[in-house]
Structure formats: structure tokens, C-alpha cells
Amino acid sequence: MKGIQYLERKILNEQSILQWKERWKLTSKKVVFTNGVFDLLHAGHIHTLKQAASFGDILIVGVNSDSSVKRLKGESRPVHCMEDRIEILSSLEMVDAVMVFEEDTPLQLIKKIMPDVLVKGGDYSIETIVGANEVLAAGGKVEIIPLIPGKSSTSLIDKITKL
């Protein structure tokens, strides 16, 4: 693993992130942050996560809690519970740490982490990326990864429901 090899578990909470943040600063590691629901992991997610990891040394993935997903996507979501989603994400080689956030956006988490690079998929613009202003003001970068057409959780759910 390229990032935080000294982490026994990749799943962090708000208290532990502050401790790790200090260690990362001491080692001059470049921290990358991305976030999402990651309800049904698919090739589009993997593409975005690989690209995000390439922008730095440590990739932290913020994951919406189940209650946050319900508020954003409706009562039928998430398909997979939060525990399953973070278990799957934390098992990926390119992901160094996973954090859950309860709010509808990861803004508070981004402010705590203050990553060097903030990454989102191509369905966002710089103006619509939560935390972009804060990261840019702190001297960081924002990267937008082009989406792979037809690779989304929504299109996958639609395909499954038509079976």
C-alpha cells in the first residue's frame, strides 16, 4: 500500500483523523480527498478512485451515512448499508482511509482534513464541488475526473429493476 501503511485499520473517525493529519504533515505526504455514496460499487467508481489516488500519497474517501443517503437519494437507497459500503471501500488497494459523514455534504469533514487535493467526478463543476473554495483558498487543488458513460449506480439500479 502506497499511503499510510502504519494504519492497522483504514476506517477513521473524526477524533482519529486529527491525529493522523499531524503525522501526515510531518512526513510531507500529499493528502487527496474524494467522497460519495458508493452504493453499488462499479467500474466508474474504480476509475475515479484510481485517478484520485494518482494525485497524491494518501487517498481518503468520505462516505455518506445511511441517513444522509436516504435524504439525498430517497427511501429506497442505499442498497447496501453503510457498514458494507465502508468494508468494500476499505478493502480497495488505492484507498488509504475511509470516513463516514452524517451531513448531506462533506464540508465539515473537508475543513477538518483540509486535503492538498479535492477530487470529484465529471458530473460536477468547480462551482458545484462542496469544499472547493476552502481547499483552493488554503493553497490546494481541485481535480475533476471525467465520467465513464453509462457507469453509474443509478443506471445500474435501473438495469437491475428491468430484469
Protein backbone atom coordinates (compact mmCIF):
# COMPACT_ATOMS: atom_id res chain seq x y z
CA MET A 1 0.00 0.00 0.00
CA LYS A 2 1.41 3.37 -1.02
CA GLY A 3 -0.04 5.63 1.68
CA ILE A 4 -0.47 5.03 5.37
CA GLN A 5 0.99 1.59 5.80
CA TYR A 6 1.12 2.11 9.56
CA LEU A 7 -2.68 2.24 9.84
CA GLU A 8 -3.96 -1.03 11.27
CA ARG A 9 -7.48 -0.19 10.14
CA LYS A 10 -8.43 2.07 7.29
CA ILE A 11 -11.69 3.25 8.84
CA LEU A 12 -11.18 6.54 10.65
CA ASN A 13 -13.43 8.62 12.88
CA GLU A 14 -13.36 12.36 13.47
CA GLN A 15 -11.08 12.05 16.51
CA SER A 16 -8.51 9.82 14.81
CA ILE A 17 -8.34 11.96 11.66
CA LEU A 18 -6.80 14.82 13.63
CA GLN A 19 -4.05 12.54 14.96
CA TRP A 20 -3.30 11.15 11.51
CA LYS A 21 -3.37 14.61 9.98
CA GLU A 22 -0.47 15.66 12.21
CA ARG A 23 1.55 12.58 11.20
CA TRP A 24 0.89 13.20 7.51
CA LYS A 25 2.13 16.77 7.82
CA LEU A 26 5.34 15.58 9.48
CA THR A 27 6.02 13.16 6.63
CA SER A 28 5.08 15.67 3.89
CA LYS A 29 2.51 13.28 2.47
CA LYS A 30 0.11 14.78 -0.08
CA VAL A 31 -3.46 14.06 1.04
CA VAL A 32 -6.22 13.54 -1.54
CA PHE A 33 -9.91 13.51 -0.61
CA THR A 34 -12.96 12.38 -2.53
CA ASN A 35 -16.42 11.46 -1.39
CA GLY A 36 -19.66 9.87 -2.41
CA VAL A 37 -22.42 7.42 -1.63
CA PHE A 38 -20.65 4.40 -3.22
CA ASP A 39 -23.89 2.46 -3.01
CA LEU A 40 -23.23 -0.09 -5.74
CA LEU A 41 -19.51 -0.08 -6.46
CA HIS A 42 -18.91 -0.22 -10.21
CA ALA A 43 -16.21 0.41 -12.83
CA GLY A 44 -16.90 4.16 -12.82
CA HIS A 45 -16.15 4.33 -9.09
CA ILE A 46 -12.95 2.31 -9.52
CA HIS A 47 -11.81 4.59 -12.35
CA THR A 48 -12.41 7.71 -10.25
CA LEU A 49 -10.72 6.24 -7.16
CA LYS A 50 -7.64 5.17 -9.17
CA GLN A 51 -7.37 8.60 -10.73
CA ALA A 52 -7.86 10.31 -7.36
CA ALA A 53 -5.12 8.19 -5.79
CA SER A 54 -2.72 9.24 -8.55
CA PHE A 55 -2.86 12.88 -7.38
CA GLY A 56 -1.12 12.26 -4.07
CA ASP A 57 0.20 9.88 -1.44
CA ILE A 58 -2.84 9.26 0.76
CA LEU A 59 -6.39 8.83 -0.53
CA ILE A 60 -9.14 9.46 1.99
CA VAL A 61 -12.67 8.58 0.91
CA GLY A 62 -15.65 10.23 2.61
CA VAL A 63 -18.82 8.13 2.57
CA ASN A 64 -22.35 9.38 3.18
CA SER A 65 -24.06 7.71 6.15
CA ASP A 66 -27.24 5.72 5.50
CA SER A 67 -29.44 8.56 6.80
CA SER A 68 -27.62 11.05 4.56
CA VAL A 69 -28.12 8.78 1.53
CA LYS A 70 -31.85 8.47 2.26
CA ARG A 71 -32.19 12.26 2.42
CA LEU A 72 -30.30 12.71 -0.85
CA LYS A 73 -31.44 9.69 -2.90
CA GLY A 74 -34.80 8.71 -1.41
CA GLU A 75 -36.17 5.98 0.85
CA SER A 76 -35.15 3.13 -1.46
CA ARG A 77 -31.46 3.94 -1.02
CA PRO A 78 -28.92 2.97 -0.01
CA VAL A 79 -28.99 -0.52 -1.47
CA HIS A 80 -26.02 -1.51 0.69
CA CYS A 81 -25.81 -0.41 4.32
CA MET A 82 -23.02 1.90 5.45
CA GLU A 83 -21.06 -0.92 7.11
CA ASP A 84 -20.98 -2.88 3.85
CA ARG A 85 -20.05 0.16 1.77
CA ILE A 86 -17.12 1.11 4.02
CA GLU A 87 -15.97 -2.51 4.23
CA ILE A 88 -15.86 -2.73 0.43
CA LEU A 89 -14.12 0.64 0.01
CA SER A 90 -11.56 -0.03 2.74
CA SER A 91 -10.60 -3.30 1.02
CA LEU A 92 -9.51 -1.47 -2.13
CA GLU A 93 -5.75 -1.11 -2.52
CA MET A 94 -5.87 2.50 -3.72
CA VAL A 95 -7.93 3.65 -0.72
CA ASP A 96 -5.87 4.51 2.34
CA ALA A 97 -8.63 5.62 4.69
CA VAL A 98 -12.43 5.78 4.82
CA MET A 99 -14.52 8.19 6.87
CA VAL A 100 -18.29 8.37 7.24
CA PHE A 101 -20.10 11.70 7.43
CA GLU A 102 -23.67 12.23 8.65
CA GLU A 103 -24.33 15.56 6.95
CA ASP A 104 -25.65 15.86 3.41
CA THR A 105 -22.30 17.27 2.26
CA PRO A 106 -18.74 16.54 3.39
CA LEU A 107 -17.93 20.23 4.01
CA GLN A 108 -17.17 19.86 7.73
CA LEU A 109 -15.01 16.81 7.05
CA ILE A 110 -13.13 18.61 4.28
CA LYS A 111 -12.48 21.56 6.63
CA LYS A 112 -11.06 19.16 9.24
CA ILE A 113 -8.87 17.25 6.79
CA MET A 114 -8.05 20.22 4.52
CA PRO A 115 -6.66 17.97 1.80
CA ASP A 116 -4.00 19.03 -0.66
CA VAL A 117 -6.22 17.80 -3.49
CA LEU A 118 -10.01 17.54 -3.62
CA VAL A 119 -11.38 15.20 -6.32
CA LYS A 120 -14.88 14.76 -7.76
CA GLY A 121 -16.39 13.12 -10.81
CA GLY A 122 -17.11 14.88 -14.09
CA ASP A 123 -20.77 15.41 -13.27
CA TYR A 124 -19.57 18.32 -11.10
CA SER A 125 -18.09 21.68 -11.99
CA ILE A 126 -15.66 23.65 -9.84
CA GLU A 127 -18.57 25.87 -8.79
CA THR A 128 -20.65 22.94 -7.55
CA ILE A 129 -17.97 20.99 -5.69
CA VAL A 130 -18.52 21.27 -1.95
CA GLY A 131 -15.29 22.36 -0.26
CA ALA A 132 -13.61 23.59 -3.45
CA ASN A 133 -13.46 27.20 -2.27
CA GLU A 134 -11.95 26.18 1.06
CA VAL A 135 -9.32 23.87 -0.47
CA LEU A 136 -8.34 26.43 -3.11
CA ALA A 137 -8.13 29.21 -0.50
CA ALA A 138 -5.75 27.04 1.53
CA GLY A 139 -3.48 26.58 -1.50
CA GLY A 140 -4.78 23.16 -2.52
CA LYS A 141 -6.03 21.90 -5.87
CA VAL A 142 -9.36 20.63 -7.15
CA GLU A 143 -9.42 17.90 -9.79
CA ILE A 144 -12.43 16.73 -11.80
CA ILE A 145 -12.30 13.20 -13.22
CA PRO A 146 -14.25 12.58 -16.46
CA LEU A 147 -17.03 10.04 -16.00
CA ILE A 148 -17.25 6.79 -17.93
CA PRO A 149 -20.53 6.97 -19.88
CA GLY A 150 -23.22 4.62 -18.61
CA LYS A 151 -21.34 3.72 -15.44
CA SER A 152 -23.39 4.98 -12.51
CA SER A 153 -25.24 3.46 -9.57
CA THR A 154 -28.49 4.90 -10.89
CA SER A 155 -28.07 3.29 -14.33
CA LEU A 156 -27.09 0.00 -12.66
CA ILE A 157 -30.19 0.08 -10.41
CA ASP A 158 -32.36 0.88 -13.43
CA LYS A 159 -30.88 -2.09 -15.31
CA ILE A 160 -31.45 -4.44 -12.38
CA THR A 161 -35.05 -3.35 -11.85
CA LYS A 162 -35.86 -4.05 -15.52
CA LEU A 163 -34.76 -7.69 -15.21
